Each structure stands twice: as C-alpha cells, then as structure tokens.
PDB file of all heavy atoms in Angstrom:
ATOM      1  N   ASP A   1       3.219 -19.235  -0.797  1.00  0.00           N
ATOM      2  CA  ASP A   1       3.020 -19.142   0.644  1.00  0.00           C
ATOM      3  C   ASP A   1       1.543 -19.362   0.952  1.00  0.00           C
ATOM      4  O   ASP A   1       0.669 -18.871   0.235  1.00  0.00           O
ATOM      5  CB  ASP A   1       3.460 -17.768   1.152  1.00  0.00           C
ATOM      6  CG  ASP A   1       3.579 -17.726   2.659  1.00  0.00           C
ATOM      7  OD1 ASP A   1       3.706 -18.796   3.269  1.00  0.00           O
ATOM      8  OD2 ASP A   1       3.544 -16.623   3.216  1.00  0.00           O
ATOM      9  N   GLU A   2       1.287 -20.105   2.009  1.00  0.00           N
ATOM     10  CA  GLU A   2      -0.092 -20.376   2.390  1.00  0.00           C
ATOM     11  C   GLU A   2      -0.809 -19.081   2.757  1.00  0.00           C
ATOM     12  O   GLU A   2      -0.279 -18.241   3.479  1.00  0.00           O
ATOM     13  CB  GLU A   2      -0.118 -21.331   3.593  1.00  0.00           C
ATOM     14  CG  GLU A   2      -1.510 -21.789   3.983  1.00  0.00           C
ATOM     15  CD  GLU A   2      -1.483 -22.784   5.144  1.00  0.00           C
ATOM     16  OE1 GLU A   2      -0.379 -23.232   5.491  1.00  0.00           O
ATOM     17  OE2 GLU A   2      -2.556 -23.091   5.666  1.00  0.00           O
ATOM     18  N   GLY A   3      -2.013 -18.928   2.242  1.00  0.00           N
ATOM     19  CA  GLY A   3      -2.804 -17.742   2.553  1.00  0.00           C
ATOM     20  C   GLY A   3      -2.627 -16.603   1.574  1.00  0.00           C
ATOM     21  O   GLY A   3      -3.303 -15.583   1.682  1.00  0.00           O
ATOM     22  N   ILE A   4      -1.710 -16.759   0.599  1.00  0.00           N
ATOM     23  CA  ILE A   4      -1.460 -15.698  -0.359  1.00  0.00           C
ATOM     24  C   ILE A   4      -2.602 -15.601  -1.377  1.00  0.00           C
ATOM     25  O   ILE A   4      -3.073 -16.599  -1.907  1.00  0.00           O
ATOM     26  CB  ILE A   4      -0.127 -15.932  -1.111  1.00  0.00           C
ATOM     27  CG1 ILE A   4       1.060 -15.654  -0.185  1.00  0.00           C
ATOM     28  CG2 ILE A   4      -0.020 -15.058  -2.354  1.00  0.00           C
ATOM     29  CD1 ILE A   4       1.226 -14.192   0.187  1.00  0.00           C
ATOM     30  N   ARG A   5      -3.026 -14.371  -1.628  1.00  0.00           N
ATOM     31  CA  ARG A   5      -4.019 -14.100  -2.659  1.00  0.00           C
ATOM     32  C   ARG A   5      -3.458 -13.060  -3.622  1.00  0.00           C
ATOM     33  O   ARG A   5      -2.511 -12.345  -3.301  1.00  0.00           O
ATOM     34  CB  ARG A   5      -5.307 -13.544  -2.038  1.00  0.00           C
ATOM     35  CG  ARG A   5      -5.869 -14.371  -0.881  1.00  0.00           C
ATOM     36  CD  ARG A   5      -7.025 -13.631  -0.223  1.00  0.00           C
ATOM     37  NE  ARG A   5      -7.435 -14.263   1.028  1.00  0.00           N
ATOM     38  CZ  ARG A   5      -8.312 -13.736   1.858  1.00  0.00           C
ATOM     39  NH1 ARG A   5      -8.873 -12.554   1.563  1.00  0.00           N
ATOM     40  NH2 ARG A   5      -8.637 -14.359   2.978  1.00  0.00           N
ATOM     41  N   LYS A   6      -4.069 -12.961  -4.791  1.00  0.00           N
ATOM     42  CA  LYS A   6      -3.673 -11.917  -5.732  1.00  0.00           C
ATOM     43  C   LYS A   6      -4.145 -10.568  -5.200  1.00  0.00           C
ATOM     44  O   LYS A   6      -5.191 -10.461  -4.575  1.00  0.00           O
ATOM     45  CB  LYS A   6      -4.262 -12.191  -7.118  1.00  0.00           C
ATOM     46  CG  LYS A   6      -3.627 -13.378  -7.828  1.00  0.00           C
ATOM     47  CD  LYS A   6      -4.165 -13.522  -9.244  1.00  0.00           C
ATOM     48  CE  LYS A   6      -3.474 -14.677  -9.965  1.00  0.00           C
ATOM     49  NZ  LYS A   6      -3.974 -14.843 -11.359  1.00  0.00           N
ATOM     50  N   GLU A   7      -3.352  -9.548  -5.485  1.00  0.00           N
ATOM     51  CA  GLU A   7      -3.656  -8.213  -4.972  1.00  0.00           C
ATOM     52  C   GLU A   7      -3.691  -7.192  -6.100  1.00  0.00           C
ATOM     53  O   GLU A   7      -2.934  -7.300  -7.082  1.00  0.00           O
ATOM     54  CB  GLU A   7      -2.586  -7.807  -3.952  1.00  0.00           C
ATOM     55  CG  GLU A   7      -2.745  -6.420  -3.362  1.00  0.00           C
ATOM     56  CD  GLU A   7      -3.915  -6.295  -2.402  1.00  0.00           C
ATOM     57  OE1 GLU A   7      -5.048  -6.607  -2.821  1.00  0.00           O
ATOM     58  OE2 GLU A   7      -3.694  -5.868  -1.255  1.00  0.00           O
ATOM     59  N   THR A   8      -4.573  -6.206  -5.979  1.00  0.00           N
ATOM     60  CA  THR A   8      -4.608  -5.042  -6.865  1.00  0.00           C
ATOM     61  C   THR A   8      -4.684  -3.796  -5.992  1.00  0.00           C
ATOM     62  O   THR A   8      -5.094  -3.860  -4.820  1.00  0.00           O
ATOM     63  CB  THR A   8      -5.819  -5.066  -7.799  1.00  0.00           C
ATOM     64  OG1 THR A   8      -7.030  -4.914  -7.027  1.00  0.00           O
ATOM     65  CG2 THR A   8      -5.877  -6.360  -8.609  1.00  0.00           C
ATOM     66  N   PHE A   9      -4.323  -2.679  -6.568  1.00  0.00           N
ATOM     67  CA  PHE A   9      -4.396  -1.434  -5.812  1.00  0.00           C
ATOM     68  C   PHE A   9      -5.838  -1.110  -5.433  1.00  0.00           C
ATOM     69  O   PHE A   9      -6.116  -0.651  -4.313  1.00  0.00           O
ATOM     70  CB  PHE A   9      -3.794  -0.292  -6.629  1.00  0.00           C
ATOM     71  CG  PHE A   9      -3.868   1.032  -5.925  1.00  0.00           C
ATOM     72  CD1 PHE A   9      -3.107   1.272  -4.785  1.00  0.00           C
ATOM     73  CD2 PHE A   9      -4.705   2.039  -6.387  1.00  0.00           C
ATOM     74  CE1 PHE A   9      -3.178   2.489  -4.121  1.00  0.00           C
ATOM     75  CE2 PHE A   9      -4.783   3.255  -5.733  1.00  0.00           C
ATOM     76  CZ  PHE A   9      -4.016   3.488  -4.600  1.00  0.00           C
ATOM     77  N   GLN A  10      -6.756  -1.375  -6.340  1.00  0.00           N
ATOM     78  CA  GLN A  10      -8.159  -1.111  -6.046  1.00  0.00           C
ATOM     79  C   GLN A  10      -8.642  -1.932  -4.855  1.00  0.00           C
ATOM     80  O   GLN A  10      -9.347  -1.429  -3.976  1.00  0.00           O
ATOM     81  CB  GLN A  10      -9.022  -1.410  -7.281  1.00  0.00           C
ATOM     82  CG  GLN A  10     -10.490  -1.024  -7.147  1.00  0.00           C
ATOM     83  CD  GLN A  10     -10.682   0.479  -6.972  1.00  0.00           C
ATOM     84  OE1 GLN A  10      -9.850   1.275  -7.415  1.00  0.00           O
ATOM     85  NE2 GLN A  10     -11.773   0.869  -6.332  1.00  0.00           N
ATOM     86  N   ASN A  11      -8.265  -3.201  -4.818  1.00  0.00           N
ATOM     87  CA  ASN A  11      -8.657  -4.046  -3.685  1.00  0.00           C
ATOM     88  C   ASN A  11      -8.063  -3.523  -2.376  1.00  0.00           C
ATOM     89  O   ASN A  11      -8.737  -3.513  -1.332  1.00  0.00           O
ATOM     90  CB  ASN A  11      -8.208  -5.485  -3.910  1.00  0.00           C
ATOM     91  CG  ASN A  11      -9.057  -6.211  -4.948  1.00  0.00           C
ATOM     92  OD1 ASN A  11     -10.145  -5.755  -5.287  1.00  0.00           O
ATOM     93  ND2 ASN A  11      -8.533  -7.308  -5.473  1.00  0.00           N
ATOM     94  N   LEU A  12      -6.801  -3.107  -2.435  1.00  0.00           N
ATOM     95  CA  LEU A  12      -6.136  -2.570  -1.244  1.00  0.00           C
ATOM     96  C   LEU A  12      -6.896  -1.365  -0.702  1.00  0.00           C
ATOM     97  O   LEU A  12      -7.151  -1.266   0.508  1.00  0.00           O
ATOM     98  CB  LEU A  12      -4.698  -2.173  -1.599  1.00  0.00           C
ATOM     99  CG  LEU A  12      -3.928  -1.364  -0.545  1.00  0.00           C
ATOM    100  CD1 LEU A  12      -3.613  -2.232   0.659  1.00  0.00           C
ATOM    101  CD2 LEU A  12      -2.660  -0.779  -1.138  1.00  0.00           C
ATOM    102  N   ILE A  13      -7.271  -0.456  -1.587  1.00  0.00           N
ATOM    103  CA  ILE A  13      -7.965   0.766  -1.176  1.00  0.00           C
ATOM    104  C   ILE A  13      -9.350   0.459  -0.630  1.00  0.00           C
ATOM    105  O   ILE A  13      -9.777   1.028   0.386  1.00  0.00           O
ATOM    106  CB  ILE A  13      -8.054   1.743  -2.367  1.00  0.00           C
ATOM    107  CG1 ILE A  13      -6.659   2.280  -2.721  1.00  0.00           C
ATOM    108  CG2 ILE A  13      -8.999   2.890  -2.063  1.00  0.00           C
ATOM    109  CD1 ILE A  13      -6.010   3.095  -1.617  1.00  0.00           C
ATOM    110  N   MET A  14     -10.060  -0.468  -1.264  1.00  0.00           N
ATOM    111  CA  MET A  14     -11.425  -0.768  -0.837  1.00  0.00           C
ATOM    112  C   MET A  14     -11.462  -1.518   0.493  1.00  0.00           C
ATOM    113  O   MET A  14     -12.368  -1.323   1.301  1.00  0.00           O
ATOM    114  CB  MET A  14     -12.141  -1.583  -1.915  1.00  0.00           C
ATOM    115  CG  MET A  14     -12.364  -0.816  -3.221  1.00  0.00           C
ATOM    116  SD  MET A  14     -13.265   0.743  -2.975  1.00  0.00           S
ATOM    117  CE  MET A  14     -14.853   0.122  -2.423  1.00  0.00           C
ATOM    118  N   ARG A  15     -10.468  -2.392   0.747  1.00  0.00           N
ATOM    119  CA  ARG A  15     -10.466  -3.179   1.989  1.00  0.00           C
ATOM    120  C   ARG A  15     -10.188  -2.318   3.218  1.00  0.00           C
ATOM    121  O   ARG A  15     -10.733  -2.537   4.285  1.00  0.00           O
ATOM    122  CB  ARG A  15      -9.388  -4.272   1.919  1.00  0.00           C
ATOM    123  CG  ARG A  15      -9.826  -5.577   1.337  1.00  0.00           C
ATOM    124  CD  ARG A  15      -8.835  -6.672   1.680  1.00  0.00           C
ATOM    125  NE  ARG A  15      -7.458  -6.211   1.674  1.00  0.00           N
ATOM    126  CZ  ARG A  15      -6.655  -6.239   0.608  1.00  0.00           C
ATOM    127  NH1 ARG A  15      -7.093  -6.756  -0.529  1.00  0.00           N
ATOM    128  NH2 ARG A  15      -5.430  -5.796   0.691  1.00  0.00           N
ATOM    129  N   ARG A  16      -9.253  -1.386   3.076  1.00  0.00           N
ATOM    130  CA  ARG A  16      -8.877  -0.485   4.167  1.00  0.00           C
ATOM    131  C   ARG A  16      -8.387  -1.256   5.402  1.00  0.00           C
ATOM    132  O   ARG A  16      -8.707  -0.906   6.533  1.00  0.00           O
ATOM    133  CB  ARG A  16     -10.061   0.424   4.550  1.00  0.00           C
ATOM    134  CG  ARG A  16     -10.540   1.292   3.426  1.00  0.00           C
ATOM    135  CD  ARG A  16     -11.741   2.134   3.826  1.00  0.00           C
ATOM    136  NE  ARG A  16     -11.356   3.199   4.759  1.00  0.00           N
ATOM    137  CZ  ARG A  16     -12.187   4.192   5.106  1.00  0.00           C
ATOM    138  NH1 ARG A  16     -13.411   4.235   4.630  1.00  0.00           N
ATOM    139  NH2 ARG A  16     -11.789   5.118   5.951  1.00  0.00           N
ATOM    140  N   ASP A  17      -7.586  -2.306   5.165  1.00  0.00           N
ATOM    141  CA  ASP A  17      -7.094  -3.075   6.315  1.00  0.00           C
ATOM    142  C   ASP A  17      -5.596  -2.888   6.544  1.00  0.00           C
ATOM    143  O   ASP A  17      -4.929  -3.737   7.131  1.00  0.00           O
ATOM    144  CB  ASP A  17      -7.435  -4.554   6.173  1.00  0.00           C
ATOM    145  CG  ASP A  17      -6.683  -5.239   5.037  1.00  0.00           C
ATOM    146  OD1 ASP A  17      -6.178  -4.521   4.155  1.00  0.00           O
ATOM    147  OD2 ASP A  17      -6.611  -6.478   5.030  1.00  0.00           O
ATOM    148  N   VAL A  18      -5.062  -1.754   6.039  1.00  0.00           N
ATOM    149  CA  VAL A  18      -3.681  -1.395   6.372  1.00  0.00           C
ATOM    150  C   VAL A  18      -3.669   0.008   6.978  1.00  0.00           C
ATOM    151  O   VAL A  18      -4.601   0.797   6.783  1.00  0.00           O
ATOM    152  CB  VAL A  18      -2.735  -1.448   5.146  1.00  0.00           C
ATOM    153  CG1 VAL A  18      -2.720  -2.833   4.532  1.00  0.00           C
ATOM    154  CG2 VAL A  18      -3.094  -0.407   4.119  1.00  0.00           C
ATOM    155  N   ASP A  19      -2.625   0.296   7.714  1.00  0.00           N
ATOM    156  CA  ASP A  19      -2.487   1.603   8.364  1.00  0.00           C
ATOM    157  C   ASP A  19      -1.601   2.548   7.572  1.00  0.00           C
ATOM    158  O   ASP A  19      -1.743   3.768   7.680  1.00  0.00           O
ATOM    159  CB  ASP A  19      -1.877   1.424   9.765  1.00  0.00           C
ATOM    160  CG  ASP A  19      -2.679   0.466  10.618  1.00  0.00           C
ATOM    161  OD1 ASP A  19      -3.871   0.749  10.855  1.00  0.00           O
ATOM    162  OD2 ASP A  19      -2.120  -0.569  11.040  1.00  0.00           O
ATOM    163  N   LEU A  20      -0.669   1.966   6.790  1.00  0.00           N
ATOM    164  CA  LEU A  20       0.326   2.805   6.122  1.00  0.00           C
ATOM    165  C   LEU A  20       0.716   2.197   4.780  1.00  0.00           C
ATOM    166  O   LEU A  20       0.934   0.990   4.682  1.00  0.00           O
ATOM    167  CB  LEU A  20       1.562   2.958   7.011  1.00  0.00           C
ATOM    168  CG  LEU A  20       2.687   3.861   6.520  1.00  0.00           C
ATOM    169  CD1 LEU A  20       3.325   4.600   7.707  1.00  0.00           C
ATOM    170  CD2 LEU A  20       3.774   3.081   5.776  1.00  0.00           C
ATOM    171  N   LEU A  21       0.821   3.059   3.771  1.00  0.00           N
ATOM    172  CA  LEU A  21       1.256   2.652   2.429  1.00  0.00           C
ATOM    173  C   LEU A  21       2.644   3.207   2.152  1.00  0.00           C
ATOM    174  O   LEU A  21       2.916   4.391   2.379  1.00  0.00           O
ATOM    175  CB  LEU A  21       0.285   3.185   1.374  1.00  0.00           C
ATOM    176  CG  LEU A  21       0.713   2.971  -0.090  1.00  0.00           C
ATOM    177  CD1 LEU A  21       0.631   1.503  -0.457  1.00  0.00           C
ATOM    178  CD2 LEU A  21      -0.128   3.814  -1.034  1.00  0.00           C
ATOM    179  N   ILE A  22       3.525   2.341   1.638  1.00  0.00           N
ATOM    180  CA  ILE A  22       4.854   2.756   1.194  1.00  0.00           C
ATOM    181  C   ILE A  22       4.842   2.764  -0.329  1.00  0.00           C
ATOM    182  O   ILE A  22       4.511   1.762  -0.958  1.00  0.00           O
ATOM    183  CB  ILE A  22       5.932   1.785   1.705  1.00  0.00           C
ATOM    184  CG1 ILE A  22       5.898   1.726   3.233  1.00  0.00           C
ATOM    185  CG2 ILE A  22       7.311   2.187   1.221  1.00  0.00           C
ATOM    186  CD1 ILE A  22       6.351   0.414   3.789  1.00  0.00           C
ATOM    187  N   GLU A  23       5.184   3.914  -0.919  1.00  0.00           N
ATOM    188  CA  GLU A  23       5.112   4.079  -2.375  1.00  0.00           C
ATOM    189  C   GLU A  23       6.522   4.302  -2.921  1.00  0.00           C
ATOM    190  O   GLU A  23       7.149   5.320  -2.662  1.00  0.00           O
ATOM    191  CB  GLU A  23       4.216   5.278  -2.716  1.00  0.00           C
ATOM    192  CG  GLU A  23       3.338   5.085  -3.942  1.00  0.00           C
ATOM    193  CD  GLU A  23       4.101   5.109  -5.261  1.00  0.00           C
ATOM    194  OE1 GLU A  23       5.263   5.591  -5.288  1.00  0.00           O
ATOM    195  OE2 GLU A  23       3.541   4.691  -6.282  1.00  0.00           O
ATOM    196  N   THR A  24       7.031   3.308  -3.693  1.00  0.00           N
ATOM    197  CA  THR A  24       8.394   3.406  -4.232  1.00  0.00           C
ATOM    198  C   THR A  24       8.425   3.136  -5.737  1.00  0.00           C
ATOM    199  O   THR A  24       9.412   2.620  -6.250  1.00  0.00           O
ATOM    200  CB  THR A  24       9.346   2.423  -3.513  1.00  0.00           C
ATOM    201  OG1 THR A  24       8.953   1.074  -3.796  1.00  0.00           O
ATOM    202  CG2 THR A  24       9.347   2.641  -2.024  1.00  0.00           C
ATOM    203  N   THR A  25       7.333   3.467  -6.438  1.00  0.00           N
ATOM    204  CA  THR A  25       7.343   3.285  -7.892  1.00  0.00           C
ATOM    205  C   THR A  25       8.276   4.327  -8.524  1.00  0.00           C
ATOM    206  O   THR A  25       8.614   5.333  -7.895  1.00  0.00           O
ATOM    207  CB  THR A  25       5.926   3.413  -8.477  1.00  0.00           C
ATOM    208  OG1 THR A  25       5.407   4.716  -8.190  1.00  0.00           O
ATOM    209  CG2 THR A  25       5.003   2.348  -7.924  1.00  0.00           C
ATOM    210  N   PRO A  26       8.705   4.108  -9.784  1.00  0.00           N
ATOM    211  CA  PRO A  26       9.645   5.040 -10.422  1.00  0.00           C
ATOM    212  C   PRO A  26       9.092   6.463 -10.526  1.00  0.00           C
ATOM    213  O   PRO A  26       7.896   6.676 -10.699  1.00  0.00           O
ATOM    214  CB  PRO A  26       9.854   4.428 -11.819  1.00  0.00           C
ATOM    215  CG  PRO A  26       9.555   2.980 -11.635  1.00  0.00           C
ATOM    216  CD  PRO A  26       8.458   2.919 -10.625  1.00  0.00           C
ATOM    217  N   THR A  27      10.001   7.433 -10.412  1.00  0.00           N
ATOM    218  CA  THR A  27       9.627   8.839 -10.467  1.00  0.00           C
ATOM    219  C   THR A  27       9.271   9.266 -11.878  1.00  0.00           C
ATOM    220  O   THR A  27       9.969   8.944 -12.842  1.00  0.00           O
ATOM    221  CB  THR A  27      10.788   9.712  -9.944  1.00  0.00           C
ATOM    222  OG1 THR A  27      10.927   9.503  -8.545  1.00  0.00           O
ATOM    223  CG2 THR A  27      10.544  11.180 -10.208  1.00  0.00           C
ATOM    224  N   ASN A  28       8.168  10.008 -11.996  1.00  0.00           N
ATOM    225  CA  ASN A  28       7.770  10.659 -13.242  1.00  0.00           C
ATOM    226  C   ASN A  28       7.557  12.134 -12.926  1.00  0.00           C
ATOM    227  O   ASN A  28       6.567  12.494 -12.299  1.00  0.00           O
ATOM    228  CB  ASN A  28       6.489  10.019 -13.796  1.00  0.00           C
ATOM    229  CG  ASN A  28       6.069  10.608 -15.134  1.00  0.00           C
ATOM    230  OD1 ASN A  28       6.255  11.797 -15.388  1.00  0.00           O
ATOM    231  ND2 ASN A  28       5.495   9.777 -15.991  1.00  0.00           N
ATOM    232  N   ASN A  29       8.501  12.980 -13.348  1.00  0.00           N
ATOM    233  CA  ASN A  29       8.429  14.399 -13.014  1.00  0.00           C
ATOM    234  C   ASN A  29       7.457  15.180 -13.887  1.00  0.00           C
ATOM    235  O   ASN A  29       7.193  16.358 -13.619  1.00  0.00           O
ATOM    236  CB  ASN A  29       9.820  15.040 -13.118  1.00  0.00           C
ATOM    237  CG  ASN A  29      10.719  14.656 -11.962  1.00  0.00           C
ATOM    238  OD1 ASN A  29      10.256  14.163 -10.943  1.00  0.00           O
ATOM    239  ND2 ASN A  29      12.009  14.868 -12.113  1.00  0.00           N
ATOM    240  N   LYS A  30       6.927  14.544 -14.927  1.00  0.00           N
ATOM    241  CA  LYS A  30       5.977  15.243 -15.815  1.00  0.00           C
ATOM    242  C   LYS A  30       4.541  15.100 -15.334  1.00  0.00           C
ATOM    243  O   LYS A  30       3.785  16.067 -15.332  1.00  0.00           O
ATOM    244  CB  LYS A  30       6.127  14.718 -17.244  1.00  0.00           C
ATOM    245  CG  LYS A  30       7.472  15.053 -17.877  1.00  0.00           C
ATOM    246  CD  LYS A  30       7.545  14.561 -19.313  1.00  0.00           C
ATOM    247  CE  LYS A  30       8.883  14.931 -19.936  1.00  0.00           C
ATOM    248  NZ  LYS A  30       8.993  14.433 -21.347  1.00  0.00           N
TER     249      LYS A  30
END
C-alpha cells in the first residue's frame, strides 16, 4: 500500500501520533 512504512513498538511510543492502543497479544498469566 502506498505510504506504508515499517513499524516497531518503540517508534509508535516515541511518535505519539495515536490516541488509543488496542492490545490483543496472547495471554501470559505468569
């Protein structure tokens, strides 16, 4: 898709250009 760049969690946090994060990674109860 035009305009697509690679993303990392660190980049997401540093940019701060989103309002809300949805977290659906697998559960680890330990």
